[in-house]
Amino acid sequence: MKAINLKLAALSVVASIGLFAFSKIETGSIKGKVTPANGAAKVWAISGTDTLKASVDGGTFNIMDAKPGTYKLIVEAMPPYKNMAKEGVTVSDGQSTDVGEIKLQQGAK
């Protein structure tokens, strides 16, 4: 009887661990504004092995499906503007992170 109870307890523990292992991670997003509105083509978000990108449309961007973590944003500028980078952008589980306005500077890339 003790052996059966011990086996059932062990099976319950394994099943519980399996449920946590397959729990869904909620992705978030990173959004913001680039000025001037026609100064950038794309925005990239880089974190570890993840690289995400979004087009800039009317000066705004929204990078979808970002896993929770810390990202580096790179704004791919169009001439005569310089590419810009923003470090330490944090995405939380299932949340949208607004980085606000990114102002591009003129000059060589």
PDB file of N, CA and C in Angstrom:
ATOM      1  N   MET A   1       0.822  -1.192   0.000  1.00  0.00           N
ATOM      2  CA  MET A   1       0.000   0.000   0.000  1.00  0.00           C
ATOM      3  C   MET A   1       0.872   1.265   0.000  1.00  0.00           C
ATOM      4  N   LYS A   2       1.956   1.234   0.816  1.00  0.00           N
ATOM      5  CA  LYS A   2       2.850   2.382   0.853  1.00  0.00           C
ATOM      6  C   LYS A   2       3.513   2.596  -0.503  1.00  0.00           C
ATOM      7  N   ALA A   3       3.844   1.510  -1.177  1.00  0.00           N
ATOM      8  CA  ALA A   3       4.500   1.617  -2.486  1.00  0.00           C
ATOM      9  C   ALA A   3       3.569   2.259  -3.509  1.00  0.00           C
ATOM     10  N   ILE A   4       2.307   1.953  -3.464  1.00  0.00           N
ATOM     11  CA  ILE A   4       1.338   2.533  -4.396  1.00  0.00           C
ATOM     12  C   ILE A   4       1.172   4.024  -4.113  1.00  0.00           C
ATOM     13  N   ASN A   5       1.046   4.379  -2.830  1.00  0.00           N
ATOM     14  CA  ASN A   5       0.911   5.797  -2.472  1.00  0.00           C
ATOM     15  C   ASN A   5       2.148   6.589  -2.896  1.00  0.00           C
ATOM     16  N   LEU A   6       3.333   5.993  -2.719  1.00  0.00           N
ATOM     17  CA  LEU A   6       4.571   6.651  -3.095  1.00  0.00           C
ATOM     18  C   LEU A   6       4.634   6.851  -4.609  1.00  0.00           C
ATOM     19  N   LYS A   7       4.197   5.844  -5.378  1.00  0.00           N
ATOM     20  CA  LYS A   7       4.183   5.954  -6.835  1.00  0.00           C
ATOM     21  C   LYS A   7       3.188   7.026  -7.297  1.00  0.00           C
ATOM     22  N   LEU A   8       2.028   7.088  -6.665  1.00  0.00           N
ATOM     23  CA  LEU A   8       1.037   8.106  -7.020  1.00  0.00           C
ATOM     24  C   LEU A   8       1.552   9.512  -6.699  1.00  0.00           C
ATOM     25  N   ALA A   9       2.235   9.654  -5.581  1.00  0.00           N
ATOM     26  CA  ALA A   9       2.791  10.959  -5.203  1.00  0.00           C
ATOM     27  C   ALA A   9       3.869  11.378  -6.208  1.00  0.00           C
ATOM     28  N   ALA A  10       4.719  10.443  -6.589  1.00  0.00           N
ATOM     29  CA  ALA A  10       5.770  10.744  -7.557  1.00  0.00           C
ATOM     30  C   ALA A  10       5.163  11.118  -8.911  1.00  0.00           C
ATOM     31  N   LEU A  11       4.138  10.409  -9.321  1.00  0.00           N
ATOM     32  CA  LEU A  11       3.462  10.704 -10.579  1.00  0.00           C
ATOM     33  C   LEU A  11       2.818  12.094 -10.549  1.00  0.00           C
ATOM     34  N   SER A  12       2.241  12.472  -9.428  1.00  0.00           N
ATOM     35  CA  SER A  12       1.639  13.801  -9.281  1.00  0.00           C
ATOM     36  C   SER A  12       2.690  14.898  -9.407  1.00  0.00           C
ATOM     37  N   VAL A  13       3.853  14.687  -8.806  1.00  0.00           N
ATOM     38  CA  VAL A  13       4.933  15.677  -8.877  1.00  0.00           C
ATOM     39  C   VAL A  13       5.407  15.831 -10.323  1.00  0.00           C
ATOM     40  N   VAL A  14       5.617  14.721 -11.014  1.00  0.00           N
ATOM     41  CA  VAL A  14       6.068  14.763 -12.403  1.00  0.00           C
ATOM     42  C   VAL A  14       5.027  15.463 -13.282  1.00  0.00           C
ATOM     43  N   ALA A  15       3.765  15.193 -13.077  1.00  0.00           N
ATOM     44  CA  ALA A  15       2.702  15.824 -13.860  1.00  0.00           C
ATOM     45  C   ALA A  15       2.660  17.327 -13.601  1.00  0.00           C
ATOM     46  N   SER A  16       2.835  17.731 -12.372  1.00  0.00           N
ATOM     47  CA  SER A  16       2.836  19.159 -12.033  1.00  0.00           C
ATOM     48  C   SER A  16       3.997  19.876 -12.692  1.00  0.00           C
ATOM     49  N   ILE A  17       5.177  19.273 -12.658  1.00  0.00           N
ATOM     50  CA  ILE A  17       6.353  19.876 -13.300  1.00  0.00           C
ATOM     51  C   ILE A  17       6.119  19.992 -14.804  1.00  0.00           C
ATOM     52  N   GLY A  18       5.523  18.995 -15.387  1.00  0.00           N
ATOM     53  CA  GLY A  18       5.236  19.020 -16.825  1.00  0.00           C
ATOM     54  C   GLY A  18       4.289  20.150 -17.199  1.00  0.00           C
ATOM     55  N   LEU A  19       3.301  20.437 -16.371  1.00  0.00           N
ATOM     56  CA  LEU A  19       2.381  21.534 -16.649  1.00  0.00           C
ATOM     57  C   LEU A  19       3.102  22.871 -16.623  1.00  0.00           C
ATOM     58  N   PHE A  20       4.011  23.068 -15.674  1.00  0.00           N
ATOM     59  CA  PHE A  20       4.758  24.322 -15.607  1.00  0.00           C
ATOM     60  C   PHE A  20       5.734  24.449 -16.772  1.00  0.00           C
ATOM     61  N   ALA A  21       6.276  23.348 -17.217  1.00  0.00           N
ATOM     62  CA  ALA A  21       7.250  23.387 -18.312  1.00  0.00           C
ATOM     63  C   ALA A  21       6.594  23.850 -19.616  1.00  0.00           C
ATOM     64  N   PHE A  22       5.316  23.589 -19.772  1.00  0.00           N
ATOM     65  CA  PHE A  22       4.624  23.954 -21.000  1.00  0.00           C
ATOM     66  C   PHE A  22       3.717  25.168 -20.834  1.00  0.00           C
ATOM     67  N   SER A  23       3.895  25.947 -19.779  1.00  0.00           N
ATOM     68  CA  SER A  23       3.074  27.136 -19.615  1.00  0.00           C
ATOM     69  C   SER A  23       3.461  28.156 -20.693  1.00  0.00           C
ATOM     70  N   LYS A  24       2.492  28.849 -21.189  1.00  0.00           N
ATOM     71  CA  LYS A  24       2.696  29.780 -22.304  1.00  0.00           C
ATOM     72  C   LYS A  24       3.328  31.080 -21.803  1.00  0.00           C
ATOM     73  N   ILE A  25       4.336  31.535 -22.521  1.00  0.00           N
ATOM     74  CA  ILE A  25       4.952  32.821 -22.237  1.00  0.00           C
ATOM     75  C   ILE A  25       4.191  33.867 -23.041  1.00  0.00           C
ATOM     76  N   GLU A  26       3.715  34.895 -22.370  1.00  0.00           N
ATOM     77  CA  GLU A  26       3.006  35.979 -23.046  1.00  0.00           C
ATOM     78  C   GLU A  26       4.032  36.941 -23.639  1.00  0.00           C
ATOM     79  N   THR A  27       3.949  37.153 -24.942  1.00  0.00           N
ATOM     80  CA  THR A  27       4.865  38.102 -25.583  1.00  0.00           C
ATOM     81  C   THR A  27       4.321  39.511 -25.438  1.00  0.00           C
ATOM     82  N   GLY A  28       5.223  40.467 -25.539  1.00  0.00           N
ATOM     83  CA  GLY A  28       4.855  41.868 -25.455  1.00  0.00           C
ATOM     84  C   GLY A  28       5.184  42.573 -26.751  1.00  0.00           C
ATOM     85  N   SER A  29       5.264  43.890 -26.676  1.00  0.00           N
ATOM     86  CA  SER A  29       5.603  44.680 -27.855  1.00  0.00           C
ATOM     87  C   SER A  29       6.413  45.907 -27.441  1.00  0.00           C
ATOM     88  N   ILE A  30       7.061  46.501 -28.429  1.00  0.00           N
ATOM     89  CA  ILE A  30       7.832  47.726 -28.232  1.00  0.00           C
ATOM     90  C   ILE A  30       7.329  48.730 -29.269  1.00  0.00           C
ATOM     91  N   LYS A  31       6.879  49.877 -28.783  1.00  0.00           N
ATOM     92  CA  LYS A  31       6.371  50.875 -29.721  1.00  0.00           C
ATOM     93  C   LYS A  31       7.002  52.228 -29.426  1.00  0.00           C
ATOM     94  N   GLY A  32       6.942  53.104 -30.419  1.00  0.00           N
ATOM     95  CA  GLY A  32       7.502  54.425 -30.245  1.00  0.00           C
ATOM     96  C   GLY A  32       7.305  55.282 -31.472  1.00  0.00           C
ATOM     97  N   LYS A  33       7.948  56.445 -31.419  1.00  0.00           N
ATOM     98  CA  LYS A  33       7.826  57.440 -32.484  1.00  0.00           C
ATOM     99  C   LYS A  33       9.225  57.886 -32.876  1.00  0.00           C
ATOM    100  N   VAL A  34       9.439  58.069 -34.181  1.00  0.00           N
ATOM    101  CA  VAL A  34      10.715  58.562 -34.707  1.00  0.00           C
ATOM    102  C   VAL A  34      10.458  59.922 -35.353  1.00  0.00           C
ATOM    103  N   THR A  35      11.295  60.902 -35.010  1.00  0.00           N
ATOM    104  CA  THR A  35      11.203  62.207 -35.666  1.00  0.00           C
ATOM    105  C   THR A  35      12.543  62.558 -36.279  1.00  0.00           C
ATOM    106  N   PRO A  36      12.552  63.099 -37.475  1.00  0.00           N
ATOM    107  CA  PRO A  36      11.394  63.395 -38.306  1.00  0.00           C
ATOM    108  C   PRO A  36      10.712  62.117 -38.808  1.00  0.00           C
ATOM    109  N   ALA A  37       9.432  62.239 -39.111  1.00  0.00           N
ATOM    110  CA  ALA A  37       8.615  61.072 -39.458  1.00  0.00           C
ATOM    111  C   ALA A  37       9.124  60.309 -40.673  1.00  0.00           C
ATOM    112  N   ASN A  38       9.782  60.987 -41.601  1.00  0.00           N
ATOM    113  CA  ASN A  38      10.273  60.321 -42.811  1.00  0.00           C
ATOM    114  C   ASN A  38      11.772  60.006 -42.718  1.00  0.00           C
ATOM    115  N   GLY A  39      12.344  60.068 -41.526  1.00  0.00           N
ATOM    116  CA  GLY A  39      13.781  59.899 -41.359  1.00  0.00           C
ATOM    117  C   GLY A  39      14.266  58.480 -41.138  1.00  0.00           C
ATOM    118  N   ALA A  40      13.363  57.531 -40.956  1.00  0.00           N
ATOM    119  CA  ALA A  40      13.787  56.151 -40.686  1.00  0.00           C
ATOM    120  C   ALA A  40      12.955  55.164 -41.488  1.00  0.00           C
ATOM    121  N   ALA A  41      13.579  54.041 -41.816  1.00  0.00           N
ATOM    122  CA  ALA A  41      12.899  52.993 -42.577  1.00  0.00           C
ATOM    123  C   ALA A  41      12.445  51.848 -41.677  1.00  0.00           C
ATOM    124  N   LYS A  42      13.341  51.409 -40.763  1.00  0.00           N
ATOM    125  CA  LYS A  42      13.053  50.250 -39.907  1.00  0.00           C
ATOM    126  C   LYS A  42      13.602  50.483 -38.510  1.00  0.00           C
ATOM    127  N   VAL A  43      13.032  49.732 -37.567  1.00  0.00           N
ATOM    128  CA  VAL A  43      13.550  49.696 -36.195  1.00  0.00           C
ATOM    129  C   VAL A  43      13.773  48.235 -35.851  1.00  0.00           C
ATOM    130  N   TRP A  44      14.949  47.947 -35.287  1.00  0.00           N
ATOM    131  CA  TRP A  44      15.331  46.590 -34.902  1.00  0.00           C
ATOM    132  C   TRP A  44      15.378  46.490 -33.383  1.00  0.00           C
ATOM    133  N   ALA A  45      14.996  45.353 -32.834  1.00  0.00           N
ATOM    134  CA  ALA A  45      15.117  45.070 -31.401  1.00  0.00           C
ATOM    135  C   ALA A  45      15.955  43.803 -31.275  1.00  0.00           C
ATOM    136  N   ILE A  46      17.057  43.891 -30.516  1.00  0.00           N
ATOM    137  CA  ILE A  46      17.996  42.771 -30.390  1.00  0.00           C
ATOM    138  C   ILE A  46      18.149  42.411 -28.917  1.00  0.00           C
ATOM    139  N   SER A  47      18.001  41.117 -28.613  1.00  0.00           N
ATOM    140  CA  SER A  47      18.162  40.616 -27.251  1.00  0.00           C
ATOM    141  C   SER A  47      18.658  39.183 -27.322  1.00  0.00           C
ATOM    142  N   GLY A  48      19.900  38.939 -26.909  1.00  0.00           N
ATOM    143  CA  GLY A  48      20.442  37.576 -26.953  1.00  0.00           C
ATOM    144  C   GLY A  48      20.378  37.031 -28.355  1.00  0.00           C
ATOM    145  N   THR A  49      19.582  35.980 -28.550  1.00  0.00           N
ATOM    146  CA  THR A  49      19.458  35.370 -29.869  1.00  0.00           C
ATOM    147  C   THR A  49      18.234  35.862 -30.629  1.00  0.00           C
ATOM    148  N   ASP A  50      17.438  36.748 -30.028  1.00  0.00           N
ATOM    149  CA  ASP A  50      16.234  37.268 -30.687  1.00  0.00           C
ATOM    150  C   ASP A  50      16.545  38.549 -31.449  1.00  0.00           C
ATOM    151  N   THR A  51      16.111  38.610 -32.690  1.00  0.00           N
ATOM    152  CA  THR A  51      16.199  39.829 -33.488  1.00  0.00           C
ATOM    153  C   THR A  51      14.834  40.054 -34.123  1.00  0.00           C
ATOM    154  N   LEU A  52      14.227  41.179 -33.801  1.00  0.00           N
ATOM    155  CA  LEU A  52      12.908  41.521 -34.319  1.00  0.00           C
ATOM    156  C   LEU A  52      13.009  42.844 -35.067  1.00  0.00           C
ATOM    157  N   LYS A  53      12.102  43.060 -36.018  1.00  0.00           N
ATOM    158  CA  LYS A  53      12.116  44.331 -36.742  1.00  0.00           C
ATOM    159  C   LYS A  53      10.700  44.758 -37.075  1.00  0.00           C
ATOM    160  N   ALA A  54      10.576  46.070 -37.301  1.00  0.00           N
ATOM    161  CA  ALA A  54       9.298  46.639 -37.727  1.00  0.00           C
ATOM    162  C   ALA A  54       9.581  47.826 -38.636  1.00  0.00           C
ATOM    163  N   SER A  55       8.688  48.052 -39.560  1.00  0.00           N
ATOM    164  CA  SER A  55       8.783  49.221 -40.438  1.00  0.00           C
ATOM    165  C   SER A  55       8.327  50.459 -39.674  1.00  0.00           C
ATOM    166  N   VAL A  56       8.869  51.590 -40.086  1.00  0.00           N
ATOM    167  CA  VAL A  56       8.430  52.869 -39.546  1.00  0.00           C
ATOM    168  C   VAL A  56       7.401  53.429 -40.519  1.00  0.00           C
ATOM    169  N   ASP A  57       6.199  53.673 -40.026  1.00  0.00           N
ATOM    170  CA  ASP A  57       5.107  54.154 -40.873  1.00  0.00           C
ATOM    171  C   ASP A  57       4.566  55.454 -40.285  1.00  0.00           C
ATOM    172  N   GLY A  58       4.762  56.547 -41.012  1.00  0.00           N
ATOM    173  CA  GLY A  58       4.295  57.835 -40.524  1.00  0.00           C
ATOM    174  C   GLY A  58       5.004  58.273 -39.253  1.00  0.00           C
ATOM    175  N   GLY A  59       6.212  57.770 -39.060  1.00  0.00           N
ATOM    176  CA  GLY A  59       6.998  58.131 -37.891  1.00  0.00           C
ATOM    177  C   GLY A  59       6.772  57.241 -36.684  1.00  0.00           C
ATOM    178  N   THR A  60       5.887  56.258 -36.778  1.00  0.00           N
ATOM    179  CA  THR A  60       5.642  55.362 -35.645  1.00  0.00           C
ATOM    180  C   THR A  60       6.034  53.928 -35.991  1.00  0.00           C
ATOM    181  N   PHE A  61       6.340  53.161 -34.961  1.00  0.00           N
ATOM    182  CA  PHE A  61       6.667  51.751 -35.136  1.00  0.00           C
ATOM    183  C   PHE A  61       6.075  50.948 -33.989  1.00  0.00           C
ATOM    184  N   ASN A  62       5.859  49.665 -34.252  1.00  0.00           N
ATOM    185  CA  ASN A  62       5.349  48.745 -33.238  1.00  0.00           C
ATOM    186  C   ASN A  62       5.953  47.372 -33.503  1.00  0.00           C
ATOM    187  N   ILE A  63       6.887  46.963 -32.673  1.00  0.00           N
ATOM    188  CA  ILE A  63       7.541  45.660 -32.806  1.00  0.00           C
ATOM    189  C   ILE A  63       6.740  44.663 -31.985  1.00  0.00           C
ATOM    190  N   MET A  64       6.154  43.683 -32.650  1.00  0.00           N
ATOM    191  CA  MET A  64       5.277  42.706 -31.996  1.00  0.00           C
ATOM    192  C   MET A  64       6.052  41.438 -31.615  1.00  0.00           C
ATOM    193  N   ASP A  65       5.441  40.620 -30.776  1.00  0.00           N
ATOM    194  CA  ASP A  65       5.938  39.293 -30.392  1.00  0.00           C
ATOM    195  C   ASP A  65       7.305  39.329 -29.713  1.00  0.00           C
ATOM    196  N   ALA A  66       7.554  40.343 -28.894  1.00  0.00           N
ATOM    197  CA  ALA A  66       8.808  40.435 -28.150  1.00  0.00           C
ATOM    198  C   ALA A  66       8.693  39.606 -26.871  1.00  0.00           C
ATOM    199  N   LYS A  67       9.622  38.704 -26.694  1.00  0.00           N
ATOM    200  CA  LYS A  67       9.658  37.908 -25.471  1.00  0.00           C
ATOM    201  C   LYS A  67      10.088  38.799 -24.312  1.00  0.00           C
ATOM    202  N   PRO A  68       9.675  38.474 -23.090  1.00  0.00           N
ATOM    203  CA  PRO A  68      10.123  39.268 -21.944  1.00  0.00           C
ATOM    204  C   PRO A  68      11.648  39.296 -21.868  1.00  0.00           C
ATOM    205  N   GLY A  69      12.205  40.474 -21.592  1.00  0.00           N
ATOM    206  CA  GLY A  69      13.651  40.626 -21.497  1.00  0.00           C
ATOM    207  C   GLY A  69      14.075  42.047 -21.792  1.00  0.00           C
ATOM    208  N   THR A  70      15.381  42.247 -21.926  1.00  0.00           N
ATOM    209  CA  THR A  70      15.950  43.566 -22.198  1.00  0.00           C
ATOM    210  C   THR A  70      16.491  43.598 -23.620  1.00  0.00           C
ATOM    211  N   TYR A  71      16.144  44.636 -24.329  1.00  0.00           N
ATOM    212  CA  TYR A  71      16.484  44.770 -25.742  1.00  0.00           C
ATOM    213  C   TYR A  71      17.314  46.015 -26.009  1.00  0.00           C
ATOM    214  N   LYS A  72      18.048  45.962 -27.111  1.00  0.00           N
ATOM    215  CA  LYS A  72      18.713  47.131 -27.677  1.00  0.00           C
ATOM    216  C   LYS A  72      17.947  47.473 -28.946  1.00  0.00           C
ATOM    217  N   LEU A  73      17.485  48.719 -29.059  1.00  0.00           N
ATOM    218  CA  LEU A  73      16.793  49.167 -30.263  1.00  0.00           C
ATOM    219  C   LEU A  73      17.783  49.858 -31.184  1.00  0.00           C
ATOM    220  N   ILE A  74      17.663  49.585 -32.453  1.00  0.00           N
ATOM    221  CA  ILE A  74      18.460  50.268 -33.465  1.00  0.00           C
ATOM    222  C   ILE A  74      17.498  50.829 -34.497  1.00  0.00           C
ATOM    223  N   VAL A  75      17.575  52.139 -34.683  1.00  0.00           N
ATOM    224  CA  VAL A  75      16.748  52.803 -35.681  1.00  0.00           C
ATOM    225  C   VAL A  75      17.585  52.934 -36.946  1.00  0.00           C
ATOM    226  N   GLU A  76      17.119  52.306 -38.017  1.00  0.00           N
ATOM    227  CA  GLU A  76      17.797  52.352 -39.315  1.00  0.00           C
ATOM    228  C   GLU A  76      17.352  53.612 -40.045  1.00  0.00           C
ATOM    229  N   ALA A  77      18.222  54.626 -40.011  1.00  0.00           N
ATOM    230  CA  ALA A  77      17.881  55.937 -40.555  1.00  0.00           C
ATOM    231  C   ALA A  77      18.118  56.013 -42.057  1.00  0.00           C
ATOM    232  N   MET A  78      17.440  56.971 -42.664  1.00  0.00           N
ATOM    233  CA  MET A  78      17.626  57.253 -44.088  1.00  0.00           C
ATOM    234  C   MET A  78      18.403  58.559 -44.197  1.00  0.00           C
ATOM    235  N   PRO A  79      19.231  58.706 -45.259  1.00  0.00           N
ATOM    236  CA  PRO A  79      20.013  59.932 -45.432  1.00  0.00           C
ATOM    237  C   PRO A  79      19.091  61.152 -45.417  1.00  0.00           C
ATOM    238  N   PRO A  80      19.499  62.208 -44.804  1.00  0.00           N
ATOM    239  CA  PRO A  80      20.818  62.544 -44.265  1.00  0.00           C
ATOM    240  C   PRO A  80      20.957  62.260 -42.766  1.00  0.00           C
ATOM    241  N   TYR A  81      20.143  61.362 -42.207  1.00  0.00           N
ATOM    242  CA  TYR A  81      20.147  61.112 -40.767  1.00  0.00           C
ATOM    243  C   TYR A  81      21.060  59.948 -40.392  1.00  0.00           C
ATOM    244  N   LYS A  82      21.465  59.916 -39.121  1.00  0.00           N
ATOM    245  CA  LYS A  82      22.332  58.863 -38.593  1.00  0.00           C
ATOM    246  C   LYS A  82      21.487  57.789 -37.906  1.00  0.00           C
ATOM    247  N   ASN A  83      21.943  56.539 -37.994  1.00  0.00           N
ATOM    248  CA  ASN A  83      21.315  55.467 -37.231  1.00  0.00           C
ATOM    249  C   ASN A  83      21.404  55.804 -35.753  1.00  0.00           C
ATOM    250  N   MET A  84      20.397  55.390 -34.995  1.00  0.00           N
ATOM    251  CA  MET A  84      20.381  55.645 -33.555  1.00  0.00           C
ATOM    252  C   MET A  84      20.210  54.321 -32.822  1.00  0.00           C
ATOM    253  N   ALA A  85      20.748  54.263 -31.603  1.00  0.00           N
ATOM    254  CA  ALA A  85      20.588  53.068 -30.766  1.00  0.00           C
ATOM    255  C   ALA A  85      20.083  53.485 -29.400  1.00  0.00           C
ATOM    256  N   LYS A  86      19.261  52.644 -28.814  1.00  0.00           N
ATOM    257  CA  LYS A  86      18.738  52.870 -27.464  1.00  0.00           C
ATOM    258  C   LYS A  86      18.891  51.565 -26.700  1.00  0.00           C
ATOM    259  N   GLU A  87      19.661  51.596 -25.626  1.00  0.00           N
ATOM    260  CA  GLU A  87      19.937  50.411 -24.801  1.00  0.00           C
ATOM    261  C   GLU A  87      18.916  50.278 -23.675  1.00  0.00           C
ATOM    262  N   GLY A  88      18.807  49.079 -23.153  1.00  0.00           N
ATOM    263  CA  GLY A  88      18.043  48.849 -21.921  1.00  0.00           C
ATOM    264  C   GLY A  88      16.541  48.957 -22.031  1.00  0.00           C
ATOM    265  N   VAL A  89      15.970  48.605 -23.168  1.00  0.00           N
ATOM    266  CA  VAL A  89      14.516  48.630 -23.332  1.00  0.00           C
ATOM    267  C   VAL A  89      13.963  47.321 -22.773  1.00  0.00           C
ATOM    268  N   THR A  90      13.165  47.420 -21.727  1.00  0.00           N
ATOM    269  CA  THR A  90      12.672  46.231 -21.027  1.00  0.00           C
ATOM    270  C   THR A  90      11.241  45.910 -21.432  1.00  0.00           C
ATOM    271  N   VAL A  91      11.019  44.642 -21.800  1.00  0.00           N
ATOM    272  CA  VAL A  91       9.685  44.151 -22.133  1.00  0.00           C
ATOM    273  C   VAL A  91       9.271  43.171 -21.043  1.00  0.00           C
ATOM    274  N   SER A  92       8.092  43.402 -20.474  1.00  0.00           N
ATOM    275  CA  SER A  92       7.540  42.510 -19.453  1.00  0.00           C
ATOM    276  C   SER A  92       6.533  41.571 -20.089  1.00  0.00           C
ATOM    277  N   ASP A  93       6.267  40.481 -19.416  1.00  0.00           N
ATOM    278  CA  ASP A  93       5.359  39.438 -19.880  1.00  0.00           C
ATOM    279  C   ASP A  93       3.993  40.016 -20.271  1.00  0.00           C
ATOM    280  N   GLY A  94       3.674  39.954 -21.566  1.00  0.00           N
ATOM    281  CA  GLY A  94       2.366  40.374 -22.053  1.00  0.00           C
ATOM    282  C   GLY A  94       2.124  41.873 -22.075  1.00  0.00           C
ATOM    283  N   GLN A  95       3.149  42.694 -21.898  1.00  0.00           N
ATOM    284  CA  GLN A  95       2.981  44.146 -21.816  1.00  0.00           C
ATOM    285  C   GLN A  95       3.547  44.850 -23.053  1.00  0.00           C
ATOM    286  N   SER A  96       3.044  46.046 -23.313  1.00  0.00           N
ATOM    287  CA  SER A  96       3.562  46.893 -24.371  1.00  0.00           C
ATOM    288  C   SER A  96       4.483  47.928 -23.728  1.00  0.00           C
ATOM    289  N   THR A  97       5.693  48.066 -24.283  1.00  0.00           N
ATOM    290  CA  THR A  97       6.652  49.054 -23.784  1.00  0.00           C
ATOM    291  C   THR A  97       6.709  50.214 -24.766  1.00  0.00           C
ATOM    292  N   ASP A  98       6.434  51.413 -24.272  1.00  0.00           N
ATOM    293  CA  ASP A  98       6.483  52.613 -25.107  1.00  0.00           C
ATOM    294  C   ASP A  98       7.806  53.325 -24.835  1.00  0.00           C
ATOM    295  N   VAL A  99       8.663  53.419 -25.856  1.00  0.00           N
ATOM    296  CA  VAL A  99       9.969  54.069 -25.699  1.00  0.00           C
ATOM    297  C   VAL A  99       9.890  55.567 -25.964  1.00  0.00           C
ATOM    298  N   GLY A 100       8.722  56.060 -26.298  1.00  0.00           N
ATOM    299  CA  GLY A 100       8.548  57.488 -26.523  1.00  0.00           C
ATOM    300  C   GLY A 100       9.109  57.929 -27.861  1.00  0.00           C
ATOM    301  N   GLU A 101       9.598  59.166 -27.891  1.00  0.00           N
ATOM    302  CA  GLU A 101      10.098  59.758 -29.129  1.00  0.00           C
ATOM    303  C   GLU A 101      11.603  59.585 -29.254  1.00  0.00           C
ATOM    304  N   ILE A 102      12.034  59.139 -30.419  1.00  0.00           N
ATOM    305  CA  ILE A 102      13.458  59.018 -30.729  1.00  0.00           C
ATOM    306  C   ILE A 102      13.759  60.057 -31.799  1.00  0.00           C
ATOM    307  N   LYS A 103      14.599  61.028 -31.448  1.00  0.00           N
ATOM    308  CA  LYS A 103      14.924  62.125 -32.371  1.00  0.00           C
ATOM    309  C   LYS A 103      16.213  61.783 -33.120  1.00  0.00           C
ATOM    310  N   LEU A 104      16.108  61.765 -34.440  1.00  0.00           N
ATOM    311  CA  LEU A 104      17.266  61.471 -35.281  1.00  0.00           C
ATOM    312  C   LEU A 104      18.114  62.718 -35.482  1.00  0.00           C
ATOM    313  N   GLN A 105      19.418  62.491 -35.587  1.00  0.00           N
ATOM    314  CA  GLN A 105      20.379  63.574 -35.819  1.00  0.00           C
ATOM    315  C   GLN A 105      20.881  63.499 -37.254  1.00  0.00           C
ATOM    316  N   GLN A 106      21.147  64.643 -37.839  1.00  0.00           N
ATOM    317  CA  GLN A 106      21.695  64.661 -39.194  1.00  0.00           C
ATOM    318  C   GLN A 106      23.184  64.379 -39.150  1.00  0.00           C
ATOM    319  N   GLY A 107      23.689  63.777 -40.228  1.00  0.00           N
ATOM    320  CA  GLY A 107      25.105  63.482 -40.327  1.00  0.00           C
ATOM    321  C   GLY A 107      25.323  62.162 -41.014  1.00  0.00           C
ATOM    322  N   ALA A 108      26.581  61.774 -41.157  1.00  0.00           N
ATOM    323  CA  ALA A 108      26.923  60.505 -41.785  1.00  0.00           C
ATOM    324  C   ALA A 108      26.502  59.360 -40.891  1.00  0.00           C
ATOM    325  N   LYS A 109      26.158  58.236 -41.508  1.00  0.00           N
ATOM    326  CA  LYS A 109      25.766  57.059 -40.750  1.00  0.00           C
ATOM    327  C   LYS A 109      26.957  56.532 -40.023  1.00  0.00           C
TER     328      LYS A 109
END
